[in-house]
Amino acid sequence: MSLDYSAVKDAAPWALVAVAAVGVVVAIVIRKIVGKILTLVLAAALVFFGWQQRDRVMDWAGSTASGVRSGACASQPSFFGVDVSFPGC
């Protein structure tokens, strides 16, 4: 297979423009997909860590309510660094 000069001169620029256009479209699509995936991963991480923090507070409240801890008010838990106050403490 061989190409002559006029085919390269006339068709190559259009082929390069088409490849560039396809590359831009693919980059935009991949960017949107990656953005959605990153958003889902971030949301899942926030839910996971939020649930862990909630469980710590709920476990502390359950053990304090059952009277297992003495002086429990001195060691109240925090929720993402914010101290949680309980009735009676």
C-alpha atoms as a PDB file:
ATOM      1  CA  MET A   1       0.000   0.000   0.000  1.00  0.00           C
ATOM      2  CA  SER A   2       1.303   3.404  -0.864  1.00  0.00           C
ATOM      3  CA  LEU A   3       0.067   6.946  -0.729  1.00  0.00           C
ATOM      4  CA  ASP A   4       0.857   9.676  -3.140  1.00  0.00           C
ATOM      5  CA  TYR A   5       1.767  13.223  -2.240  1.00  0.00           C
ATOM      6  CA  SER A   6      -1.624  14.781  -3.037  1.00  0.00           C
ATOM      7  CA  ALA A   7      -3.485  12.328  -0.772  1.00  0.00           C
ATOM      8  CA  VAL A   8      -1.176  13.101   2.133  1.00  0.00           C
ATOM      9  CA  LYS A   9      -1.378  16.829   1.400  1.00  0.00           C
ATOM     10  CA  ASP A  10      -5.203  16.912   1.204  1.00  0.00           C
ATOM     11  CA  ALA A  11      -6.380  14.188   3.588  1.00  0.00           C
ATOM     12  CA  ALA A  12      -3.827  14.233   6.393  1.00  0.00           C
ATOM     13  CA  PRO A  13      -4.844  17.602   7.889  1.00  0.00           C
ATOM     14  CA  TRP A  14      -8.502  16.531   8.023  1.00  0.00           C
ATOM     15  CA  ALA A  15      -7.559  13.209   9.580  1.00  0.00           C
ATOM     16  CA  LEU A  16      -5.479  15.009  12.197  1.00  0.00           C
ATOM     17  CA  VAL A  17      -8.348  17.412  12.933  1.00  0.00           C
ATOM     18  CA  ALA A  18     -10.716  14.444  13.304  1.00  0.00           C
ATOM     19  CA  VAL A  19      -8.310  12.662  15.650  1.00  0.00           C
ATOM     20  CA  ALA A  20      -7.923  15.847  17.712  1.00  0.00           C
ATOM     21  CA  ALA A  21     -11.717  16.323  17.893  1.00  0.00           C
ATOM     22  CA  VAL A  22     -12.238  12.722  18.970  1.00  0.00           C
ATOM     23  CA  GLY A  23      -9.483  13.150  21.559  1.00  0.00           C
ATOM     24  CA  VAL A  24     -11.158  16.247  22.999  1.00  0.00           C
ATOM     25  CA  VAL A  25     -14.560  14.517  23.162  1.00  0.00           C
ATOM     26  CA  VAL A  26     -13.050  11.443  24.809  1.00  0.00           C
ATOM     27  CA  ALA A  27     -11.191  13.652  27.320  1.00  0.00           C
ATOM     28  CA  ILE A  28     -14.438  15.451  28.237  1.00  0.00           C
ATOM     29  CA  VAL A  29     -16.329  12.174  28.638  1.00  0.00           C
ATOM     30  CA  ILE A  30     -13.565  10.620  30.745  1.00  0.00           C
ATOM     31  CA  ARG A  31     -13.374  13.770  32.868  1.00  0.00           C
ATOM     32  CA  LYS A  32     -17.102  13.616  33.566  1.00  0.00           C
ATOM     33  CA  ILE A  33     -16.975   9.909  34.372  1.00  0.00           C
ATOM     34  CA  VAL A  34     -13.958  10.314  36.649  1.00  0.00           C
ATOM     35  CA  GLY A  35     -15.647  13.280  38.314  1.00  0.00           C
ATOM     36  CA  LYS A  36     -18.742  11.198  39.020  1.00  0.00           C
ATOM     37  CA  ILE A  37     -16.670   8.314  40.341  1.00  0.00           C
ATOM     38  CA  LEU A  38     -14.683  10.639  42.606  1.00  0.00           C
ATOM     39  CA  THR A  39     -17.913  12.195  43.876  1.00  0.00           C
ATOM     40  CA  LEU A  40     -19.328   8.744  44.676  1.00  0.00           C
ATOM     41  CA  VAL A  41     -16.120   7.700  46.444  1.00  0.00           C
ATOM     42  CA  LEU A  42     -16.098  10.921  48.471  1.00  0.00           C
ATOM     43  CA  ALA A  43     -19.752  10.488  49.434  1.00  0.00           C
ATOM     44  CA  ALA A  44     -19.147   6.857  50.429  1.00  0.00           C
ATOM     45  CA  ALA A  45     -16.168   7.874  52.567  1.00  0.00           C
ATOM     46  CA  LEU A  46     -18.200  10.587  54.308  1.00  0.00           C
ATOM     47  CA  VAL A  47     -21.022   8.142  55.009  1.00  0.00           C
ATOM     48  CA  PHE A  48     -18.574   5.533  56.309  1.00  0.00           C
ATOM     49  CA  PHE A  49     -16.747   7.886  58.668  1.00  0.00           C
ATOM     50  CA  GLY A  50     -19.969   9.566  59.763  1.00  0.00           C
ATOM     51  CA  TRP A  51     -21.472   6.191  60.619  1.00  0.00           C
ATOM     52  CA  GLN A  52     -18.357   5.225  62.602  1.00  0.00           C
ATOM     53  CA  GLN A  53     -18.539   8.456  64.589  1.00  0.00           C
ATOM     54  CA  ARG A  54     -22.244   7.924  65.221  1.00  0.00           C
ATOM     55  CA  ASP A  55     -21.609   4.362  66.416  1.00  0.00           C
ATOM     56  CA  ARG A  56     -18.987   5.598  68.891  1.00  0.00           C
ATOM     57  CA  VAL A  57     -21.418   8.131  70.344  1.00  0.00           C
ATOM     58  CA  MET A  58     -24.274   5.606  70.438  1.00  0.00           C
ATOM     59  CA  ASP A  59     -22.090   2.945  72.093  1.00  0.00           C
ATOM     60  CA  TRP A  60     -20.929   5.439  74.720  1.00  0.00           C
ATOM     61  CA  ALA A  61     -24.497   6.544  75.405  1.00  0.00           C
ATOM     62  CA  GLY A  62     -25.667   2.935  75.676  1.00  0.00           C
ATOM     63  CA  SER A  63     -22.932   1.942  78.098  1.00  0.00           C
ATOM     64  CA  THR A  64     -23.467   5.077  80.192  1.00  0.00           C
ATOM     65  CA  ALA A  65     -27.237   4.592  80.327  1.00  0.00           C
ATOM     66  CA  SER A  66     -26.822   1.041  81.585  1.00  0.00           C
ATOM     67  CA  GLY A  67     -24.602   2.291  84.420  1.00  0.00           C
ATOM     68  CA  VAL A  68     -21.526   0.358  83.324  1.00  0.00           C
ATOM     69  CA  ARG A  69     -19.232   3.367  83.555  1.00  0.00           C
ATOM     70  CA  SER A  70     -18.621   5.339  86.682  1.00  0.00           C
ATOM     71  CA  GLY A  71     -17.530   8.921  86.103  1.00  0.00           C
ATOM     72  CA  ALA A  72     -18.498   8.590  82.480  1.00  0.00           C
ATOM     73  CA  CYS A  73     -19.335  12.266  82.127  1.00  0.00           C
ATOM     74  CA  ALA A  74     -15.638  13.072  82.300  1.00  0.00           C
ATOM     75  CA  SER A  75     -14.968  11.116  79.125  1.00  0.00           C
ATOM     76  CA  GLN A  76     -17.752  12.209  76.803  1.00  0.00           C
ATOM     77  CA  PRO A  77     -17.230  11.329  73.131  1.00  0.00           C
ATOM     78  CA  SER A  78     -16.889  13.743  70.247  1.00  0.00           C
ATOM     79  CA  PHE A  79     -18.469  13.733  66.810  1.00  0.00           C
ATOM     80  CA  PHE A  80     -15.839  14.807  64.246  1.00  0.00           C
ATOM     81  CA  GLY A  81     -14.034  16.749  66.949  1.00  0.00           C
ATOM     82  CA  VAL A  82     -17.136  18.445  68.368  1.00  0.00           C
ATOM     83  CA  ASP A  83     -17.882  17.465  71.981  1.00  0.00           C
ATOM     84  CA  VAL A  84     -21.268  15.826  72.444  1.00  0.00           C
ATOM     85  CA  SER A  85     -23.177  16.807  75.585  1.00  0.00           C
ATOM     86  CA  PHE A  86     -25.591  14.395  77.199  1.00  0.00           C
ATOM     87  CA  PRO A  87     -28.462  15.109  79.590  1.00  0.00           C
ATOM     88  CA  GLY A  88     -27.384  14.756  83.203  1.00  0.00           C
ATOM     89  CA  CYS A  89     -23.696  15.379  82.555  1.00  0.00           C
END
